[in-house]
Amino acid sequence: MDKNSKRFDLEDRTFEYAKKVRAFVRTLRKTLANLEDGKQLIRASGSVGANYIEANESLTKKDFMMRIKICRKEAKESRYWLMLIDIDGEPEKENDRRYLVKEATELMNIFGAILVKSA
């Protein structure tokens, strides 16, 4: 597998993460807190992939590193908003949240590893 193939696999993975977050948010009860936290979660989860695409198109190493740091930061922020969401004790939603938190954590670790290798 070549470098470009791996890059696009991560673009696909971040895209799928954002889509799954949106599907999760659509299932939530429409409380004021969930509406506000859900908006923040949707923004952060989408920003992970958007910034990764920007990193892949960066003109300098410094710009690349900054975009990857933003990816890591947005994945961490997504995890935070996921934990604030009120799922009203529903086991299925808790499983979905656990999966999304795990994916956010894995993405954080991947972007952290990219930073270490690129330094």
N, C-alpha and C. Protein backbone atom coordinates (compact mmCIF):
# COMPACT_ATOMS: atom_id res chain seq x y z
N MET A 1 0.85 -1.17 0.00
CA MET A 1 0.00 0.00 0.00
C MET A 1 0.90 1.24 0.00
N ASP A 2 0.66 2.17 -0.90
CA ASP A 2 1.50 3.35 -0.97
C ASP A 2 0.99 4.47 -0.07
N LYS A 3 1.80 5.50 0.07
CA LYS A 3 1.51 6.62 0.96
C LYS A 3 0.19 7.30 0.59
N ASN A 4 -0.07 7.53 -0.69
CA ASN A 4 -1.30 8.19 -1.11
C ASN A 4 -2.53 7.36 -0.78
N SER A 5 -2.43 6.05 -0.89
CA SER A 5 -3.55 5.18 -0.57
C SER A 5 -3.91 5.29 0.92
N LYS A 6 -2.91 5.32 1.79
CA LYS A 6 -3.14 5.46 3.22
C LYS A 6 -3.78 6.81 3.52
N ARG A 7 -3.31 7.85 2.85
CA ARG A 7 -3.83 9.18 3.07
C ARG A 7 -5.33 9.21 2.77
N PHE A 8 -5.72 8.62 1.66
CA PHE A 8 -7.12 8.64 1.30
C PHE A 8 -7.95 7.71 2.17
N ASP A 9 -7.35 6.65 2.70
CA ASP A 9 -8.07 5.81 3.65
C ASP A 9 -8.44 6.62 4.89
N LEU A 10 -7.55 7.47 5.36
CA LEU A 10 -7.83 8.30 6.53
C LEU A 10 -8.84 9.40 6.17
N GLU A 11 -8.80 9.91 4.96
CA GLU A 11 -9.83 10.85 4.52
C GLU A 11 -11.19 10.17 4.57
N ASP A 12 -11.26 8.94 4.07
CA ASP A 12 -12.52 8.20 4.10
C ASP A 12 -12.96 7.92 5.54
N ARG A 13 -12.02 7.56 6.37
CA ARG A 13 -12.35 7.23 7.76
C ARG A 13 -12.90 8.45 8.50
N THR A 14 -12.28 9.61 8.30
CA THR A 14 -12.77 10.82 8.97
C THR A 14 -14.14 11.23 8.42
N PHE A 15 -14.35 11.00 7.13
CA PHE A 15 -15.65 11.29 6.53
C PHE A 15 -16.73 10.38 7.13
N GLU A 16 -16.43 9.10 7.24
CA GLU A 16 -17.38 8.15 7.82
C GLU A 16 -17.66 8.49 9.28
N TYR A 17 -16.64 8.92 10.00
CA TYR A 17 -16.83 9.33 11.40
C TYR A 17 -17.83 10.48 11.48
N ALA A 18 -17.65 11.49 10.67
CA ALA A 18 -18.56 12.64 10.67
C ALA A 18 -19.98 12.21 10.31
N LYS A 19 -20.12 11.31 9.35
CA LYS A 19 -21.46 10.83 8.96
C LYS A 19 -22.11 10.06 10.11
N LYS A 20 -21.34 9.23 10.80
CA LYS A 20 -21.89 8.45 11.91
C LYS A 20 -22.29 9.36 13.07
N VAL A 21 -21.51 10.41 13.30
CA VAL A 21 -21.87 11.38 14.34
C VAL A 21 -23.20 12.02 13.99
N ARG A 22 -23.38 12.42 12.74
CA ARG A 22 -24.63 13.05 12.32
C ARG A 22 -25.82 12.10 12.49
N ALA A 23 -25.62 10.85 12.15
CA ALA A 23 -26.69 9.86 12.32
C ALA A 23 -27.03 9.70 13.81
N PHE A 24 -26.01 9.69 14.65
CA PHE A 24 -26.22 9.58 16.10
C PHE A 24 -27.00 10.78 16.62
N VAL A 25 -26.61 11.97 16.22
CA VAL A 25 -27.28 13.19 16.70
C VAL A 25 -28.76 13.19 16.29
N ARG A 26 -29.06 12.68 15.12
CA ARG A 26 -30.46 12.64 14.66
C ARG A 26 -31.34 11.77 15.56
N THR A 27 -30.74 10.82 16.29
CA THR A 27 -31.53 9.91 17.14
C THR A 27 -31.78 10.48 18.54
N LEU A 28 -31.16 11.58 18.87
CA LEU A 28 -31.24 12.11 20.23
C LEU A 28 -32.55 12.83 20.50
N ARG A 29 -32.93 12.82 21.80
CA ARG A 29 -34.08 13.62 22.21
C ARG A 29 -33.77 15.09 21.95
N LYS A 30 -34.78 15.84 21.60
CA LYS A 30 -34.60 17.25 21.22
C LYS A 30 -34.72 18.17 22.44
N THR A 31 -33.78 18.02 23.38
CA THR A 31 -33.73 18.94 24.52
C THR A 31 -32.85 20.12 24.14
N LEU A 32 -32.96 21.20 24.88
CA LEU A 32 -32.12 22.37 24.60
C LEU A 32 -30.64 22.01 24.67
N ALA A 33 -30.26 21.26 25.70
CA ALA A 33 -28.85 20.87 25.86
C ALA A 33 -28.38 20.01 24.69
N ASN A 34 -29.18 19.02 24.30
CA ASN A 34 -28.79 18.15 23.19
C ASN A 34 -28.71 18.91 21.88
N LEU A 35 -29.61 19.85 21.67
CA LEU A 35 -29.55 20.64 20.43
C LEU A 35 -28.25 21.44 20.37
N GLU A 36 -27.91 22.09 21.47
CA GLU A 36 -26.68 22.90 21.49
C GLU A 36 -25.42 22.04 21.44
N ASP A 37 -25.38 21.00 22.27
CA ASP A 37 -24.22 20.11 22.28
C ASP A 37 -24.09 19.36 20.96
N GLY A 38 -25.23 18.99 20.38
CA GLY A 38 -25.23 18.30 19.10
C GLY A 38 -24.65 19.18 17.99
N LYS A 39 -25.00 20.46 18.00
CA LYS A 39 -24.43 21.39 17.01
C LYS A 39 -22.92 21.45 17.13
N GLN A 40 -22.44 21.56 18.36
CA GLN A 40 -20.99 21.61 18.59
C GLN A 40 -20.32 20.31 18.16
N LEU A 41 -20.96 19.20 18.47
CA LEU A 41 -20.43 17.88 18.10
C LEU A 41 -20.35 17.73 16.59
N ILE A 42 -21.39 18.15 15.90
CA ILE A 42 -21.40 18.06 14.44
C ILE A 42 -20.28 18.91 13.84
N ARG A 43 -20.10 20.13 14.35
CA ARG A 43 -19.04 21.00 13.84
C ARG A 43 -17.65 20.38 14.06
N ALA A 44 -17.41 19.91 15.28
CA ALA A 44 -16.09 19.36 15.61
C ALA A 44 -15.81 18.10 14.81
N SER A 45 -16.79 17.22 14.70
CA SER A 45 -16.56 15.95 13.98
C SER A 45 -16.30 16.19 12.50
N GLY A 46 -16.98 17.13 11.90
CA GLY A 46 -16.75 17.46 10.50
C GLY A 46 -15.42 18.15 10.28
N SER A 47 -15.00 18.91 11.27
CA SER A 47 -13.74 19.64 11.17
C SER A 47 -12.53 18.72 11.16
N VAL A 48 -12.66 17.55 11.77
CA VAL A 48 -11.54 16.59 11.76
C VAL A 48 -11.15 16.27 10.32
N GLY A 49 -12.11 15.82 9.54
CA GLY A 49 -11.84 15.44 8.15
C GLY A 49 -11.52 16.62 7.26
N ALA A 50 -12.23 17.74 7.46
CA ALA A 50 -11.98 18.92 6.63
C ALA A 50 -10.55 19.41 6.80
N ASN A 51 -10.06 19.41 8.03
CA ASN A 51 -8.69 19.86 8.26
C ASN A 51 -7.67 18.84 7.77
N TYR A 52 -8.04 17.55 7.78
CA TYR A 52 -7.13 16.55 7.24
C TYR A 52 -6.98 16.73 5.73
N ILE A 53 -8.06 17.01 5.05
CA ILE A 53 -7.99 17.30 3.62
C ILE A 53 -7.11 18.52 3.37
N GLU A 54 -7.29 19.55 4.19
CA GLU A 54 -6.45 20.75 4.07
C GLU A 54 -4.98 20.42 4.31
N ALA A 55 -4.72 19.55 5.28
CA ALA A 55 -3.33 19.15 5.56
C ALA A 55 -2.71 18.48 4.34
N ASN A 56 -3.49 17.64 3.68
CA ASN A 56 -2.98 16.94 2.51
C ASN A 56 -2.70 17.87 1.34
N GLU A 57 -3.29 19.04 1.36
CA GLU A 57 -3.08 20.02 0.29
C GLU A 57 -2.15 21.15 0.72
N SER A 58 -1.55 21.02 1.90
CA SER A 58 -0.71 22.10 2.42
C SER A 58 0.52 22.31 1.54
N LEU A 59 0.98 23.56 1.55
CA LEU A 59 2.14 23.92 0.73
C LEU A 59 3.45 23.82 1.49
N THR A 60 3.37 23.88 2.81
CA THR A 60 4.58 23.82 3.62
C THR A 60 4.43 22.78 4.72
N LYS A 61 5.55 22.33 5.25
CA LYS A 61 5.53 21.39 6.36
C LYS A 61 4.89 22.03 7.60
N LYS A 62 5.17 23.31 7.81
CA LYS A 62 4.61 24.03 8.96
C LYS A 62 3.08 24.04 8.89
N ASP A 63 2.55 24.32 7.70
CA ASP A 63 1.10 24.33 7.51
C ASP A 63 0.53 22.93 7.72
N PHE A 64 1.22 21.92 7.20
CA PHE A 64 0.79 20.53 7.39
C PHE A 64 0.70 20.19 8.87
N MET A 65 1.74 20.53 9.61
CA MET A 65 1.78 20.22 11.05
C MET A 65 0.65 20.94 11.79
N MET A 66 0.39 22.19 11.45
CA MET A 66 -0.67 22.95 12.11
C MET A 66 -2.03 22.30 11.84
N ARG A 67 -2.27 21.90 10.60
CA ARG A 67 -3.55 21.27 10.26
C ARG A 67 -3.73 19.94 10.99
N ILE A 68 -2.67 19.17 11.09
CA ILE A 68 -2.76 17.90 11.80
C ILE A 68 -3.02 18.14 13.28
N LYS A 69 -2.41 19.17 13.85
CA LYS A 69 -2.69 19.52 15.25
C LYS A 69 -4.16 19.89 15.42
N ILE A 70 -4.71 20.60 14.45
CA ILE A 70 -6.13 20.96 14.51
C ILE A 70 -7.00 19.71 14.41
N CYS A 71 -6.61 18.78 13.56
CA CYS A 71 -7.35 17.51 13.46
C CYS A 71 -7.40 16.81 14.81
N ARG A 72 -6.27 16.74 15.45
CA ARG A 72 -6.20 16.08 16.76
C ARG A 72 -7.06 16.83 17.78
N LYS A 73 -6.98 18.15 17.76
CA LYS A 73 -7.76 18.97 18.68
C LYS A 73 -9.26 18.79 18.46
N GLU A 74 -9.68 18.76 17.21
CA GLU A 74 -11.11 18.61 16.90
C GLU A 74 -11.62 17.22 17.26
N ALA A 75 -10.79 16.20 17.10
CA ALA A 75 -11.18 14.85 17.52
C ALA A 75 -11.36 14.82 19.04
N LYS A 76 -10.47 15.49 19.75
CA LYS A 76 -10.57 15.55 21.21
C LYS A 76 -11.82 16.32 21.63
N GLU A 77 -12.10 17.40 20.92
CA GLU A 77 -13.30 18.19 21.22
C GLU A 77 -14.57 17.37 20.93
N SER A 78 -14.56 16.61 19.85
CA SER A 78 -15.70 15.74 19.53
C SER A 78 -15.98 14.79 20.69
N ARG A 79 -14.92 14.24 21.21
CA ARG A 79 -15.06 13.30 22.33
C ARG A 79 -15.70 13.98 23.53
N TYR A 80 -15.30 15.22 23.80
CA TYR A 80 -15.87 16.00 24.90
C TYR A 80 -17.38 16.19 24.71
N TRP A 81 -17.79 16.64 23.51
CA TRP A 81 -19.22 16.87 23.26
C TRP A 81 -20.00 15.57 23.32
N LEU A 82 -19.42 14.48 22.86
CA LEU A 82 -20.10 13.19 22.95
C LEU A 82 -20.42 12.83 24.40
N MET A 83 -19.50 13.13 25.29
CA MET A 83 -19.70 12.80 26.69
C MET A 83 -20.77 13.67 27.35
N LEU A 84 -20.99 14.87 26.81
CA LEU A 84 -22.01 15.76 27.36
C LEU A 84 -23.42 15.44 26.88
N ILE A 85 -23.54 14.76 25.78
CA ILE A 85 -24.86 14.45 25.22
C ILE A 85 -25.68 13.63 26.22
N ASP A 86 -26.94 14.00 26.38
CA ASP A 86 -27.87 13.28 27.26
C ASP A 86 -28.55 12.18 26.46
N ILE A 87 -28.24 10.94 26.80
CA ILE A 87 -28.85 9.81 26.08
C ILE A 87 -29.98 9.18 26.87
N ASP A 88 -30.30 9.79 28.01
CA ASP A 88 -31.47 9.38 28.78
C ASP A 88 -31.43 7.91 29.18
N GLY A 89 -30.23 7.38 29.44
CA GLY A 89 -30.10 6.01 29.92
C GLY A 89 -30.45 4.92 28.91
N GLU A 90 -30.50 5.25 27.64
CA GLU A 90 -30.85 4.25 26.62
C GLU A 90 -29.60 3.44 26.24
N PRO A 91 -29.63 2.12 26.50
CA PRO A 91 -28.45 1.27 26.26
C PRO A 91 -27.94 1.30 24.81
N GLU A 92 -28.85 1.32 23.84
CA GLU A 92 -28.41 1.33 22.45
C GLU A 92 -27.66 2.64 22.12
N LYS A 93 -28.17 3.72 22.62
CA LYS A 93 -27.49 5.01 22.39
C LYS A 93 -26.15 5.06 23.14
N GLU A 94 -26.12 4.44 24.31
CA GLU A 94 -24.85 4.38 25.05
C GLU A 94 -23.82 3.59 24.26
N ASN A 95 -24.22 2.50 23.64
CA ASN A 95 -23.30 1.72 22.80
C ASN A 95 -22.82 2.54 21.61
N ASP A 96 -23.75 3.27 20.98
CA ASP A 96 -23.36 4.13 19.87
C ASP A 96 -22.36 5.20 20.31
N ARG A 97 -22.65 5.80 21.47
CA ARG A 97 -21.75 6.83 21.99
C ARG A 97 -20.38 6.23 22.28
N ARG A 98 -20.36 5.07 22.91
CA ARG A 98 -19.09 4.42 23.25
C ARG A 98 -18.26 4.17 21.98
N TYR A 99 -18.92 3.71 20.92
CA TYR A 99 -18.24 3.48 19.65
C TYR A 99 -17.65 4.78 19.10
N LEU A 100 -18.43 5.86 19.13
CA LEU A 100 -17.96 7.14 18.60
C LEU A 100 -16.84 7.73 19.46
N VAL A 101 -16.91 7.57 20.76
CA VAL A 101 -15.82 8.02 21.64
C VAL A 101 -14.55 7.24 21.33
N LYS A 102 -14.69 5.94 21.13
CA LYS A 102 -13.54 5.10 20.78
C LYS A 102 -12.93 5.56 19.46
N GLU A 103 -13.77 5.83 18.47
CA GLU A 103 -13.27 6.28 17.17
C GLU A 103 -12.58 7.65 17.29
N ALA A 104 -13.15 8.55 18.06
CA ALA A 104 -12.52 9.86 18.28
C ALA A 104 -11.16 9.69 18.94
N THR A 105 -11.07 8.80 19.89
CA THR A 105 -9.80 8.54 20.58
C THR A 105 -8.78 7.95 19.63
N GLU A 106 -9.20 7.00 18.79
CA GLU A 106 -8.29 6.41 17.81
C GLU A 106 -7.80 7.47 16.81
N LEU A 107 -8.70 8.34 16.38
CA LEU A 107 -8.29 9.40 15.45
C LEU A 107 -7.29 10.34 16.13
N MET A 108 -7.53 10.67 17.39
CA MET A 108 -6.57 11.50 18.13
C MET A 108 -5.20 10.83 18.15
N ASN A 109 -5.18 9.54 18.41
CA ASN A 109 -3.91 8.81 18.47
C ASN A 109 -3.22 8.76 17.11
N ILE A 110 -4.00 8.58 16.05
CA ILE A 110 -3.44 8.56 14.71
C ILE A 110 -2.81 9.90 14.37
N PHE A 111 -3.54 10.98 14.64
CA PHE A 111 -2.99 12.30 14.33
C PHE A 111 -1.79 12.63 15.21
N GLY A 112 -1.81 12.15 16.45
CA GLY A 112 -0.63 12.32 17.31
C GLY A 112 0.58 11.59 16.74
N ALA A 113 0.37 10.39 16.24
CA ALA A 113 1.46 9.61 15.64
C ALA A 113 1.99 10.30 14.38
N ILE A 114 1.09 10.87 13.58
CA ILE A 114 1.52 11.60 12.38
C ILE A 114 2.39 12.77 12.79
N LEU A 115 2.02 13.46 13.84
CA LEU A 115 2.83 14.60 14.31
C LEU A 115 4.22 14.15 14.74
N VAL A 116 4.28 13.05 15.46
CA VAL A 116 5.58 12.54 15.94
C VAL A 116 6.45 12.14 14.74
N LYS A 117 5.88 11.43 13.78
CA LYS A 117 6.64 10.98 12.61
C LYS A 117 7.05 12.14 11.72
N SER A 118 6.26 13.20 11.70
CA SER A 118 6.53 14.33 10.81
C SER A 118 7.45 15.36 11.41
N ALA A 119 7.70 15.26 12.70
CA ALA A 119 8.53 16.28 13.39
C ALA A 119 9.99 16.18 13.00
